[in-house]
């Protein structure tokens, strides 16, 4: 007579190798950090651009006022 097993062994879970898991984690970290850095730098660029535009507008106003003042001085002569 053939002996039958009346118990079962648990299936071993399939694991990702430590090298592949570490590589996937590293790549996810690099992508997340890169995306965060990109948006931070883009925001800083926008802020700097707005400051430069404001300075150019202020310079234009200053030059316009200077031209008006010079014109008034020339008209008084």
C-alpha atoms as a PDB file:
ATOM      1  CA  UNK A   1       0.000   0.000   0.000  1.00  0.00           C
ATOM      2  CA  UNK A   2       1.166   3.532  -0.815  1.00  0.00           C
ATOM      3  CA  UNK A   3       1.518   5.998   2.030  1.00  0.00           C
ATOM      4  CA  UNK A   4      -0.281   9.307   1.531  1.00  0.00           C
ATOM      5  CA  UNK A   5       0.637  12.540   3.178  1.00  0.00           C
ATOM      6  CA  UNK A   6      -2.063  14.009   5.340  1.00  0.00           C
ATOM      7  CA  UNK A   7      -0.351  17.369   5.812  1.00  0.00           C
ATOM      8  CA  UNK A   8       0.721  20.151   3.509  1.00  0.00           C
ATOM      9  CA  UNK A   9       3.718  22.418   3.552  1.00  0.00           C
ATOM     10  CA  UNK A  10       3.170  26.154   3.291  1.00  0.00           C
ATOM     11  CA  UNK A  11       4.100  27.688  -0.015  1.00  0.00           C
ATOM     12  CA  UNK A  12       7.131  29.874   0.264  1.00  0.00           C
ATOM     13  CA  UNK A  13       6.365  33.419  -0.811  1.00  0.00           C
ATOM     14  CA  UNK A  14       8.153  34.568  -3.875  1.00  0.00           C
ATOM     15  CA  UNK A  15      10.610  37.266  -2.912  1.00  0.00           C
ATOM     16  CA  UNK A  16      12.354  39.847  -4.996  1.00  0.00           C
ATOM     17  CA  UNK A  17      16.067  39.521  -4.621  1.00  0.00           C
ATOM     18  CA  UNK A  18      17.751  42.006  -2.362  1.00  0.00           C
ATOM     19  CA  UNK A  19      19.789  43.414  -5.227  1.00  0.00           C
ATOM     20  CA  UNK A  20      16.751  43.963  -7.439  1.00  0.00           C
ATOM     21  CA  UNK A  21      14.715  45.341  -4.536  1.00  0.00           C
ATOM     22  CA  UNK A  22      17.494  47.725  -3.601  1.00  0.00           C
ATOM     23  CA  UNK A  23      17.890  48.813  -7.210  1.00  0.00           C
ATOM     24  CA  UNK A  24      14.154  49.434  -7.602  1.00  0.00           C
ATOM     25  CA  UNK A  25      14.073  51.393  -4.340  1.00  0.00           C
ATOM     26  CA  UNK A  26      17.092  53.428  -5.391  1.00  0.00           C
ATOM     27  CA  UNK A  27      15.549  54.246  -8.768  1.00  0.00           C
ATOM     28  CA  UNK A  28      12.241  55.252  -7.168  1.00  0.00           C
ATOM     29  CA  UNK A  29      14.112  57.487  -4.740  1.00  0.00           C
ATOM     30  CA  UNK A  30      16.127  59.100  -7.523  1.00  0.00           C
ATOM     31  CA  UNK A  31      12.995  59.745  -9.595  1.00  0.00           C
ATOM     32  CA  UNK A  32      11.116  61.238  -6.629  1.00  0.00           C
ATOM     33  CA  UNK A  33      14.074  63.431  -5.662  1.00  0.00           C
ATOM     34  CA  UNK A  34      14.588  64.532  -9.272  1.00  0.00           C
ATOM     35  CA  UNK A  35      10.933  65.474  -9.668  1.00  0.00           C
ATOM     36  CA  UNK A  36      10.938  67.423  -6.412  1.00  0.00           C
ATOM     37  CA  UNK A  37      14.149  69.212  -7.361  1.00  0.00           C
ATOM     38  CA  UNK A  38      12.802  70.055 -10.814  1.00  0.00           C
ATOM     39  CA  UNK A  39       9.672  71.692  -9.415  1.00  0.00           C
ATOM     40  CA  UNK A  40      11.685  73.529  -6.746  1.00  0.00           C
ATOM     41  CA  UNK A  41      14.090  74.912  -9.344  1.00  0.00           C
ATOM     42  CA  UNK A  42      11.212  75.830 -11.652  1.00  0.00           C
ATOM     43  CA  UNK A  43       9.571  77.749  -8.808  1.00  0.00           C
ATOM     44  CA  UNK A  44      12.836  79.544  -7.991  1.00  0.00           C
ATOM     45  CA  UNK A  45      13.259  80.417 -11.681  1.00  0.00           C
ATOM     46  CA  UNK A  46       9.773  81.946 -11.784  1.00  0.00           C
ATOM     47  CA  UNK A  47      10.461  83.999  -8.652  1.00  0.00           C
ATOM     48  CA  UNK A  48      13.785  85.259 -10.023  1.00  0.00           C
ATOM     49  CA  UNK A  49      12.170  86.057 -13.372  1.00  0.00           C
ATOM     50  CA  UNK A  50       9.444  88.097 -11.665  1.00  0.00           C
ATOM     51  CA  UNK A  51      12.080  90.049  -9.715  1.00  0.00           C
ATOM     52  CA  UNK A  52      13.997  90.833 -12.912  1.00  0.00           C
ATOM     53  CA  UNK A  53      10.834  91.951 -14.712  1.00  0.00           C
ATOM     54  CA  UNK A  54       9.900  94.180 -11.765  1.00  0.00           C
ATOM     55  CA  UNK A  55      13.387  95.747 -11.841  1.00  0.00           C
ATOM     56  CA  UNK A  56      13.134  96.390 -15.581  1.00  0.00           C
ATOM     57  CA  UNK A  57       9.740  98.057 -15.145  1.00  0.00           C
ATOM     58  CA  UNK A  58      11.115 100.198 -12.293  1.00  0.00           C
ATOM     59  CA  UNK A  59      14.076 101.174 -14.469  1.00  0.00           C
ATOM     60  CA  UNK A  60      11.749 102.137 -17.328  1.00  0.00           C
ATOM     61  CA  UNK A  61       9.697 104.310 -14.966  1.00  0.00           C
ATOM     62  CA  UNK A  62      12.839 105.937 -13.617  1.00  0.00           C
ATOM     63  CA  UNK A  63      14.131 106.696 -17.122  1.00  0.00           C
ATOM     64  CA  UNK A  64      10.743 108.089 -18.104  1.00  0.00           C
ATOM     65  CA  UNK A  65      10.730 110.404 -15.066  1.00  0.00           C
ATOM     66  CA  UNK A  66      14.292 111.499 -15.827  1.00  0.00           C
ATOM     67  CA  UNK A  67      13.345 112.296 -19.448  1.00  0.00           C
ATOM     68  CA  UNK A  68      10.366 114.361 -18.241  1.00  0.00           C
ATOM     69  CA  UNK A  69      12.566 116.251 -15.803  1.00  0.00           C
ATOM     70  CA  UNK A  70      15.202 116.964 -18.464  1.00  0.00           C
ATOM     71  CA  UNK A  71      12.496 118.139 -20.868  1.00  0.00           C
ATOM     72  CA  UNK A  72      11.147 120.541 -18.217  1.00  0.00           C
ATOM     73  CA  UNK A  73      14.650 121.921 -17.621  1.00  0.00           C
ATOM     74  CA  UNK A  74      15.214 122.415 -21.344  1.00  0.00           C
ATOM     75  CA  UNK A  75      11.852 124.185 -21.742  1.00  0.00           C
ATOM     76  CA  UNK A  76      12.735 126.655 -18.949  1.00  0.00           C
ATOM     77  CA  UNK A  77      15.809 127.861 -20.839  1.00  0.00           C
END
